Amino acid sequence: MSRFTGEPRQHDQVAEAASAASELLELLWGRGQEAAPSGPVPPSQLRALLVIEEHEGVNLRTLGDALGSRPSSVSRLCDRMEAMGLVSRSPSATSRREVELRLSRRGHTVLNEQRAFRAREVGLVLEGMAPADVLTLAAGLSAFRAAALARLGPEGVACAGAGGRTDAERGDVADSA
């Protein structure tokens, strides 16, 4: 509420609408995720895979910082992902005490399948919208993404999955993961 007018602030209303839309996206993506050839991927693993994809050869400490997790939790998470064949660990070329993480071929496949599934679900929703509303949404989401990337800074950009690169720089149409 604005202390001057007693009316809800526009940013508060938009934040609530964005949160509600985010919850709906999670429902859309979760619904039927089991149908993806790779099966469901827990959110913690998906976030970790995105960071590792963006920073091939990342060490456990940097991955933990990007995820906001404790080293022991990150180590167990990587144990599970390695057992599933999603990542591989190798000794660091620069430090004997560090381990580097890389996506396996299966890890890349899982991310690509998840992105395709999410894009398909969002596309079906967009088909039910007026073309002008789709354009307005696209412009608003681009501005939101730019502001979010600026707020996250270099350390948090990896969690965004695209590392701050534009769609054209990545060579794809949509960044839906």
Protein backbone atom coordinates (compact mmCIF):
# COMPACT_ATOMS: atom_id res chain seq x y z
CA MET A 1 0.00 0.00 0.00
CA SER A 2 1.18 3.47 -0.79
CA ARG A 3 1.46 5.48 2.39
CA PHE A 4 0.16 8.52 0.50
CA THR A 5 -2.93 7.20 -1.29
CA GLY A 6 -3.79 3.97 0.51
CA GLU A 7 -3.84 2.21 -2.91
CA PRO A 8 -1.78 -0.91 -3.61
CA ARG A 9 1.44 -0.03 -5.37
CA GLN A 10 1.61 -1.01 -9.01
CA HIS A 11 4.86 -2.91 -8.42
CA ASP A 12 3.21 -4.94 -5.65
CA GLN A 13 0.35 -5.89 -7.94
CA VAL A 14 2.71 -6.85 -10.75
CA ALA A 15 4.89 -8.83 -8.32
CA GLU A 16 1.82 -10.75 -7.18
CA ALA A 17 0.77 -11.39 -10.79
CA ALA A 18 4.29 -12.54 -11.71
CA SER A 19 4.37 -14.87 -8.70
CA ALA A 20 1.00 -16.32 -9.64
CA ALA A 21 2.16 -16.80 -13.25
CA SER A 22 5.34 -18.47 -11.99
CA GLU A 23 3.28 -20.89 -9.93
CA LEU A 24 1.16 -21.71 -12.97
CA LEU A 25 4.30 -22.30 -15.04
CA GLU A 26 5.56 -24.71 -12.39
CA LEU A 27 2.22 -26.55 -12.55
CA LEU A 28 2.31 -26.68 -16.35
CA TRP A 29 5.88 -27.92 -16.40
CA GLY A 30 5.33 -30.41 -13.61
CA ARG A 31 2.16 -31.81 -15.13
CA GLY A 32 3.17 -34.57 -17.43
CA GLN A 33 6.93 -34.06 -16.95
CA GLU A 34 7.08 -37.81 -16.49
CA ALA A 35 6.18 -38.09 -20.17
CA ALA A 36 9.55 -36.64 -21.17
CA PRO A 37 11.83 -39.44 -22.41
CA SER A 38 14.32 -38.70 -19.61
CA GLY A 39 11.56 -38.66 -16.98
CA PRO A 40 11.10 -36.12 -14.22
CA VAL A 41 14.10 -34.11 -13.05
CA PRO A 42 14.03 -32.69 -9.53
CA PRO A 43 14.33 -28.88 -9.47
CA SER A 44 17.61 -29.00 -7.54
CA GLN A 45 19.18 -31.23 -10.20
CA LEU A 46 17.82 -29.09 -13.02
CA ARG A 47 19.31 -25.93 -11.49
CA ALA A 48 22.66 -27.68 -10.99
CA LEU A 49 22.66 -28.97 -14.58
CA LEU A 50 21.99 -25.45 -15.85
CA VAL A 51 24.93 -24.02 -13.90
CA ILE A 52 27.25 -26.83 -15.02
CA GLU A 53 26.13 -26.34 -18.63
CA GLU A 54 26.92 -22.65 -18.48
CA HIS A 55 30.26 -23.15 -16.71
CA GLU A 56 31.71 -26.44 -17.97
CA GLY A 57 34.44 -27.53 -15.58
CA VAL A 58 32.93 -25.71 -12.59
CA ASN A 59 34.16 -26.90 -9.19
CA LEU A 60 31.94 -27.94 -6.28
CA ARG A 61 32.50 -24.71 -4.34
CA THR A 62 31.47 -22.50 -7.25
CA LEU A 63 28.46 -24.70 -7.96
CA GLY A 64 27.46 -24.45 -4.29
CA ASP A 65 27.79 -20.67 -4.39
CA ALA A 66 25.63 -20.45 -7.52
CA LEU A 67 22.98 -22.72 -5.96
CA GLY A 68 23.17 -21.15 -2.50
CA SER A 69 23.86 -24.59 -0.99
CA ARG A 70 26.29 -26.03 1.54
CA PRO A 71 29.26 -28.03 0.25
CA SER A 72 28.01 -31.30 1.75
CA SER A 73 24.61 -30.88 0.06
CA VAL A 74 26.23 -30.07 -3.28
CA SER A 75 28.52 -33.08 -3.01
CA ARG A 76 25.56 -35.41 -2.37
CA LEU A 77 23.62 -33.80 -5.22
CA CYS A 78 26.55 -34.39 -7.57
CA ASP A 79 26.86 -37.99 -6.31
CA ARG A 80 23.24 -38.59 -7.34
CA MET A 81 23.65 -36.86 -10.71
CA GLU A 82 26.83 -38.80 -11.45
CA ALA A 83 25.11 -42.08 -10.53
CA MET A 84 22.32 -41.17 -12.98
CA GLY A 85 24.89 -40.48 -15.70
CA LEU A 86 24.08 -36.76 -15.92
CA VAL A 87 27.51 -35.39 -14.98
CA SER A 88 31.09 -36.53 -14.78
CA ARG A 89 33.75 -35.50 -12.32
CA SER A 90 37.41 -35.18 -13.15
CA PRO A 91 40.47 -33.85 -11.36
CA SER A 92 41.08 -30.16 -11.91
CA ALA A 93 43.90 -29.22 -14.25
CA THR A 94 44.84 -26.31 -11.95
CA SER A 95 44.45 -27.72 -8.43
CA ARG A 96 44.91 -31.24 -7.12
CA ARG A 97 42.33 -30.56 -4.38
CA GLU A 98 39.52 -29.59 -6.75
CA VAL A 99 37.18 -31.61 -8.92
CA GLU A 100 35.69 -30.30 -12.14
CA LEU A 101 32.12 -31.06 -13.17
CA ARG A 102 30.99 -31.51 -16.75
CA LEU A 103 27.69 -32.50 -18.28
CA SER A 104 27.62 -35.92 -19.84
CA ARG A 105 25.92 -36.53 -23.16
CA ARG A 106 22.91 -37.71 -21.15
CA GLY A 107 23.00 -34.48 -19.10
CA HIS A 108 22.85 -32.41 -22.29
CA THR A 109 20.02 -34.59 -23.59
CA VAL A 110 18.02 -34.18 -20.38
CA LEU A 111 18.36 -30.38 -20.49
CA ASN A 112 17.35 -30.27 -24.15
CA GLU A 113 14.32 -32.48 -23.47
CA GLN A 114 13.27 -30.34 -20.50
CA ARG A 115 13.58 -27.15 -22.54
CA ALA A 116 11.58 -28.64 -25.40
CA PHE A 117 8.87 -29.86 -23.02
CA ARG A 118 8.61 -26.48 -21.29
CA ALA A 119 8.55 -24.60 -24.60
CA ARG A 120 5.78 -26.89 -25.86
CA GLU A 121 3.68 -26.29 -22.73
CA VAL A 122 4.15 -22.52 -22.88
CA GLY A 123 3.44 -22.54 -26.62
CA LEU A 124 0.09 -24.21 -26.03
CA VAL A 125 -0.86 -21.47 -23.57
CA LEU A 126 0.33 -18.72 -25.93
CA GLU A 127 -1.90 -20.15 -28.68
CA GLY A 128 -4.88 -19.21 -26.52
CA MET A 129 -3.80 -15.56 -26.32
CA ALA A 130 -4.44 -12.70 -28.70
CA PRO A 131 -1.41 -11.89 -30.91
CA ALA A 132 -1.16 -8.36 -29.47
CA ASP A 133 -1.10 -9.80 -25.94
CA VAL A 134 1.67 -12.22 -26.93
CA LEU A 135 3.77 -9.30 -28.24
CA THR A 136 3.13 -7.28 -25.08
CA LEU A 137 4.08 -10.27 -22.94
CA ALA A 138 7.28 -10.82 -24.94
CA ALA A 139 8.34 -7.20 -24.49
CA GLY A 140 7.56 -7.29 -20.79
CA LEU A 141 9.40 -10.55 -20.24
CA SER A 142 12.47 -9.25 -22.08
CA ALA A 143 12.55 -6.17 -19.86
CA PHE A 144 12.00 -8.29 -16.75
CA ARG A 145 14.80 -10.67 -17.75
CA ALA A 146 17.22 -7.79 -18.32
CA ALA A 147 16.38 -6.28 -14.92
CA ALA A 148 16.66 -9.67 -13.19
CA LEU A 149 20.05 -10.38 -14.79
CA ALA A 150 21.27 -6.94 -13.69
CA ARG A 151 20.08 -7.64 -10.13
CA LEU A 152 21.63 -11.12 -10.03
CA GLY A 153 25.01 -9.89 -11.16
CA PRO A 154 27.73 -12.15 -12.56
CA GLU A 155 27.51 -14.72 -9.75
CA GLY A 156 23.81 -15.32 -10.17
CA VAL A 157 23.61 -15.16 -13.92
CA ALA A 158 24.51 -18.84 -14.26
CA CYS A 159 21.34 -19.76 -12.40
CA ALA A 160 19.36 -18.06 -15.14
CA GLY A 161 20.49 -20.78 -17.49
CA ALA A 162 21.44 -18.52 -20.35
CA GLY A 163 24.32 -16.71 -18.70
CA GLY A 164 23.01 -13.35 -19.80
CA ARG A 165 23.37 -14.11 -23.49
CA THR A 166 20.62 -13.03 -25.82
CA ASP A 167 18.55 -15.53 -27.76
CA ALA A 168 20.40 -14.60 -30.96
CA GLU A 169 23.80 -15.10 -29.29
CA ARG A 170 22.73 -18.57 -28.13
CA GLY A 171 21.34 -19.35 -31.57
CA ASP A 172 17.92 -20.43 -30.33
CA VAL A 173 14.50 -18.92 -30.18
CA ALA A 174 13.49 -19.29 -26.55
CA ASP A 175 15.17 -19.72 -23.21
CA SER A 176 12.55 -21.64 -21.30
CA ALA A 177 14.60 -23.49 -18.74
